[in-house]
Amino acid sequence: MDKTPSILMIGLGMLVVSGEAYSQERFKNISFVGAGVTVGESVFSDNGTRLGAEANLFHHSKYGFIDGTLANYALLPWFGISGNLRISEVSDDFNDIPNGIQNRDSNGEIGVTFGTLGARLTYLHDVTNKHNGYEVQLHLGRVFDTPFEKMSLSPYVQINYRDDKLSDHLYSISQSESNASGLLSFNADDTWVYQSGIITLYDFNDNILGISKLEIEHHDTDSPLIQNDLGWKFSIGAAYKF
């Protein structure tokens, strides 16, 4: 069963031939931290769009990178040790999930990354005994200059493989949850998640950076927890660059 949105396939083809992301000089040896406001709808949401906020954290140097919640320490130019904080996707703290469904715990992960910031394959395994599963991520992205000197565009695609333990943690519905929510009980197998988006960066000056992001994702599972075929989020904010 292939439910991959066509926009992801187009993006994947474009980025495979585009080379390493963040390879331009302006994105070497750069760090920034900031925040923004968001609007969007999760694949798990049963109550339409939701306003929110998010933090933006980024670092890239010869020692590795930090990209959101994923951090990588480079042992070799194309290999590093990675850590990740997986924020709960199924949680009424962040999404409007169906009544009767229990929040899934966040968890910490450790693994390895092969490749670079913009063209990488990452393996992450739960080390906090929340589900003891793993995820493999293929990420491809690139920075494009624009006719506006201070503005750049960064499209990306990412494909995630989630094993049966992680998928069970996120997508399965127990009989007690089924009774409370009205959703059918469900036992999840391994799952694929397809993500795509575009990030716009604007240099207001040497230290202040404007950031906007449009993100889209699709979860290839028959779990009744999936309320929307596509999840999306748009965010806009600013960051301090150093």
Protein backbone atom coordinates (compact mmCIF):
# COMPACT_ATOMS: atom_id res chain seq x y z
CA MET A 1 0.00 0.00 0.00
CA ASP A 2 1.62 3.23 -1.17
CA LYS A 3 0.02 6.40 0.13
CA THR A 4 3.08 8.60 -0.41
CA PRO A 5 1.89 12.10 -1.39
CA SER A 6 3.04 13.10 -4.85
CA ILE A 7 4.61 16.29 -3.49
CA LEU A 8 7.05 14.14 -1.48
CA MET A 9 8.08 12.12 -4.51
CA ILE A 10 8.66 15.27 -6.56
CA GLY A 11 10.69 16.76 -3.72
CA LEU A 12 12.74 13.59 -3.31
CA GLY A 13 13.67 13.53 -6.98
CA MET A 14 14.69 17.18 -6.89
CA LEU A 15 16.86 16.81 -3.80
CA VAL A 16 18.60 13.58 -4.77
CA VAL A 17 20.30 15.44 -7.62
CA SER A 18 20.84 18.65 -5.67
CA GLY A 19 23.74 17.53 -3.43
CA GLU A 20 24.53 18.32 0.17
CA ALA A 21 22.28 20.72 2.07
CA TYR A 22 23.73 23.65 3.97
CA SER A 23 26.92 23.35 1.91
CA GLN A 24 27.11 27.05 1.11
CA GLU A 25 29.60 29.08 3.09
CA ARG A 26 26.89 31.07 4.84
CA PHE A 27 25.69 27.89 6.61
CA LYS A 28 29.06 26.69 7.83
CA ASN A 29 30.06 27.41 11.44
CA ILE A 30 26.70 28.92 12.32
CA SER A 31 24.44 28.57 15.34
CA PHE A 32 21.13 30.16 16.23
CA VAL A 33 18.42 29.91 18.85
CA GLY A 34 14.95 31.42 18.67
CA ALA A 35 11.21 30.85 18.83
CA GLY A 36 8.10 31.26 16.73
CA VAL A 37 4.35 30.90 16.60
CA THR A 38 2.70 28.03 14.76
CA VAL A 39 -0.62 27.06 13.22
CA GLY A 40 -1.39 23.62 11.89
CA GLU A 41 -3.16 20.30 12.16
CA SER A 42 -1.60 17.04 13.32
CA VAL A 43 -2.44 13.72 11.68
CA PHE A 44 -3.71 12.72 15.15
CA SER A 45 -5.94 15.79 15.65
CA ASP A 46 -9.72 15.41 15.62
CA ASN A 47 -10.45 19.09 16.24
CA GLY A 48 -9.08 21.07 13.29
CA THR A 49 -6.21 23.53 13.29
CA ARG A 50 -4.42 24.59 16.45
CA LEU A 51 -2.26 27.57 17.42
CA GLY A 52 0.98 26.96 19.27
CA ALA A 53 4.60 27.91 19.76
CA GLU A 54 7.92 26.25 19.06
CA ALA A 55 11.62 26.71 19.72
CA ASN A 56 14.21 26.88 16.95
CA LEU A 57 17.67 25.48 17.67
CA PHE A 58 20.40 24.97 15.06
CA HIS A 59 24.17 24.46 14.99
CA HIS A 60 26.56 23.35 12.26
CA SER A 61 30.34 23.04 12.48
CA LYS A 62 33.14 20.54 11.87
CA TYR A 63 32.26 19.03 15.26
CA GLY A 64 28.73 18.07 14.20
CA PHE A 65 25.28 19.59 14.15
CA ILE A 66 22.11 20.25 16.09
CA ASP A 67 18.92 20.28 14.03
CA GLY A 68 15.92 20.78 16.31
CA THR A 69 15.83 17.87 18.76
CA LEU A 70 18.49 15.85 16.88
CA ALA A 71 22.14 16.38 17.90
CA ASN A 72 25.12 14.74 16.23
CA TYR A 73 28.79 14.69 17.31
CA ALA A 74 31.08 14.05 14.36
CA LEU A 75 33.69 11.35 15.01
CA LEU A 76 34.62 11.35 11.32
CA PRO A 77 33.62 13.70 8.47
CA TRP A 78 30.80 11.32 7.42
CA PHE A 79 30.02 9.55 10.69
CA GLY A 80 28.88 10.63 14.13
CA ILE A 81 27.12 9.69 17.37
CA SER A 82 23.58 11.06 17.57
CA GLY A 83 21.08 11.75 20.32
CA ASN A 84 17.46 12.76 20.05
CA LEU A 85 14.61 13.79 22.32
CA ARG A 86 11.42 12.41 20.80
CA ILE A 87 8.61 14.70 21.91
CA SER A 88 5.32 12.83 22.21
CA GLU A 89 3.31 12.99 18.99
CA VAL A 90 0.19 11.52 20.61
CA SER A 91 -0.46 13.92 23.47
CA ASP A 92 -3.21 16.36 24.35
CA ASP A 93 -0.46 18.74 25.49
CA PHE A 94 0.52 19.28 21.84
CA ASN A 95 -2.41 18.02 19.75
CA ASP A 96 -6.18 17.62 20.02
CA ILE A 97 -6.22 13.82 20.16
CA PRO A 98 -9.49 11.88 20.49
CA ASN A 99 -11.02 11.68 23.96
CA GLY A 100 -10.22 8.44 25.74
CA ILE A 101 -6.77 8.03 24.15
CA GLN A 102 -3.89 8.07 26.63
CA ASN A 103 -0.87 10.30 26.10
CA ARG A 104 2.21 8.51 24.78
CA ASP A 105 5.36 9.30 26.75
CA SER A 106 8.24 11.22 25.20
CA ASN A 107 11.56 9.37 25.14
CA GLY A 108 15.30 9.79 24.69
CA GLU A 109 17.23 8.09 21.90
CA ILE A 110 20.85 7.41 20.99
CA GLY A 111 22.22 6.21 17.67
CA VAL A 112 24.51 7.01 14.76
CA THR A 113 24.39 9.21 11.68
CA PHE A 114 26.06 8.51 8.33
CA GLY A 115 26.46 11.43 5.93
CA THR A 116 26.14 15.16 6.45
CA LEU A 117 23.59 17.57 7.82
CA GLY A 118 21.78 17.80 4.50
CA ALA A 119 22.17 14.24 3.21
CA ARG A 120 22.12 11.78 6.07
CA LEU A 121 20.95 8.39 7.28
CA THR A 122 20.31 8.22 11.04
CA TYR A 123 19.56 5.25 13.29
CA LEU A 124 17.99 6.06 16.68
CA HIS A 125 17.13 3.60 19.48
CA ASP A 126 15.12 4.26 22.63
CA VAL A 127 17.35 4.29 25.71
CA THR A 128 14.72 5.36 28.25
CA ASN A 129 12.68 2.13 28.31
CA LYS A 130 9.53 3.79 26.98
CA HIS A 131 9.10 1.43 24.04
CA ASN A 132 12.60 -0.06 23.31
CA GLY A 133 12.06 0.43 19.61
CA TYR A 134 14.03 2.20 16.90
CA GLU A 135 13.65 4.53 13.94
CA VAL A 136 15.75 4.95 10.78
CA GLN A 137 15.62 8.38 9.12
CA LEU A 138 16.69 9.29 5.58
CA HIS A 139 16.95 13.08 5.32
CA LEU A 140 17.72 15.09 2.17
CA GLY A 141 17.74 18.88 1.99
CA ARG A 142 19.41 21.81 0.29
CA VAL A 143 19.78 25.57 0.64
CA PHE A 144 18.91 27.64 -2.44
CA ASP A 145 19.84 31.28 -2.90
CA THR A 146 17.10 33.64 -4.10
CA PRO A 147 17.10 36.94 -6.04
CA PHE A 148 16.87 38.60 -2.62
CA GLU A 149 20.41 38.66 -1.23
CA LYS A 150 19.40 38.20 2.40
CA MET A 151 16.84 35.43 1.78
CA SER A 152 17.34 31.72 1.19
CA LEU A 153 15.00 28.75 0.73
CA SER A 154 15.66 25.28 2.15
CA PRO A 155 13.37 22.49 0.88
CA TYR A 156 13.76 19.04 2.38
CA VAL A 157 12.26 15.56 2.40
CA GLN A 158 12.58 12.89 5.08
CA ILE A 159 11.48 9.25 5.16
CA ASN A 160 11.29 7.49 8.54
CA TYR A 161 11.04 3.76 9.15
CA ARG A 162 9.60 2.91 12.60
CA ASP A 163 9.91 -0.64 13.87
CA ASP A 164 6.99 -2.55 15.40
CA LYS A 165 7.87 -1.56 18.99
CA LEU A 166 7.92 2.17 18.31
CA SER A 167 4.84 1.85 16.09
CA ASP A 168 3.02 -0.11 18.80
CA HIS A 169 3.85 2.64 21.31
CA LEU A 170 2.47 5.36 19.01
CA TYR A 171 -0.34 3.83 16.94
CA SER A 172 -1.82 0.84 18.78
CA ILE A 173 -5.17 1.23 20.55
CA SER A 174 -5.78 -0.92 23.60
CA GLN A 175 -9.18 -2.39 24.39
CA SER A 176 -9.61 0.04 27.30
CA GLU A 177 -8.78 2.98 25.02
CA SER A 178 -11.20 1.60 22.44
CA ASN A 179 -13.98 1.42 25.02
CA ALA A 180 -13.28 5.00 26.19
CA SER A 181 -12.80 6.60 22.77
CA GLY A 182 -15.14 4.68 20.48
CA LEU A 183 -12.23 3.90 18.13
CA LEU A 184 -11.59 0.30 17.12
CA SER A 185 -8.80 -1.49 18.97
CA PHE A 186 -5.67 -1.80 16.85
CA ASN A 187 -2.29 -3.55 16.97
CA ALA A 188 0.34 -1.69 14.96
CA ASP A 189 3.09 -3.21 12.84
CA ASP A 190 6.13 -1.36 11.56
CA THR A 191 5.33 1.97 9.92
CA TRP A 192 6.66 4.46 7.37
CA VAL A 193 6.38 8.23 7.83
CA TYR A 194 6.92 10.67 4.95
CA GLN A 195 7.78 14.29 5.63
CA SER A 196 8.47 17.30 3.44
CA GLY A 197 8.74 21.03 3.86
CA ILE A 198 10.40 24.29 2.99
CA ILE A 199 12.24 26.66 5.33
CA THR A 200 12.71 30.34 4.52
CA LEU A 201 15.55 32.22 6.22
CA TYR A 202 16.02 36.00 6.12
CA ASP A 203 19.05 37.83 7.54
CA PHE A 204 17.78 41.05 9.09
CA ASN A 205 21.34 41.84 10.27
CA ASP A 206 24.46 40.04 11.52
CA ASN A 207 22.65 38.62 14.56
CA ILE A 208 18.90 38.52 13.88
CA LEU A 209 17.45 35.89 11.58
CA GLY A 210 13.84 35.59 10.43
CA ILE A 211 12.53 32.03 10.00
CA SER A 212 9.36 30.63 8.45
CA LYS A 213 8.59 26.96 7.88
CA LEU A 214 5.91 24.97 6.08
CA GLU A 215 5.92 21.29 7.06
CA ILE A 216 3.81 18.39 5.74
CA GLU A 217 3.74 14.75 6.85
CA HIS A 218 1.94 11.49 6.12
CA HIS A 219 1.88 8.35 8.33
CA ASP A 220 1.43 5.12 6.36
CA THR A 221 -0.62 3.12 8.88
CA ASP A 222 -4.23 1.97 9.16
CA SER A 223 -4.43 2.94 12.84
CA PRO A 224 -7.74 4.62 13.73
CA LEU A 225 -5.64 7.14 15.66
CA ILE A 226 -4.78 8.74 12.32
CA GLN A 227 -7.53 11.32 11.92
CA ASN A 228 -6.06 13.15 8.90
CA ASP A 229 -4.24 11.76 5.87
CA LEU A 230 -1.89 14.76 5.88
CA GLY A 231 -0.63 16.73 8.85
CA TRP A 232 0.71 20.24 8.31
CA LYS A 233 2.23 23.12 10.24
CA PHE A 234 3.24 26.67 9.35
CA SER A 235 5.46 28.66 11.68
CA ILE A 236 7.06 32.08 11.68
CA GLY A 237 9.55 33.52 14.15
CA ALA A 238 12.99 34.96 14.74
CA ALA A 239 16.32 33.74 16.09
CA TYR A 240 19.57 35.13 17.46
CA LYS A 241 22.51 34.04 15.32
CA PHE A 242 26.03 33.65 16.72
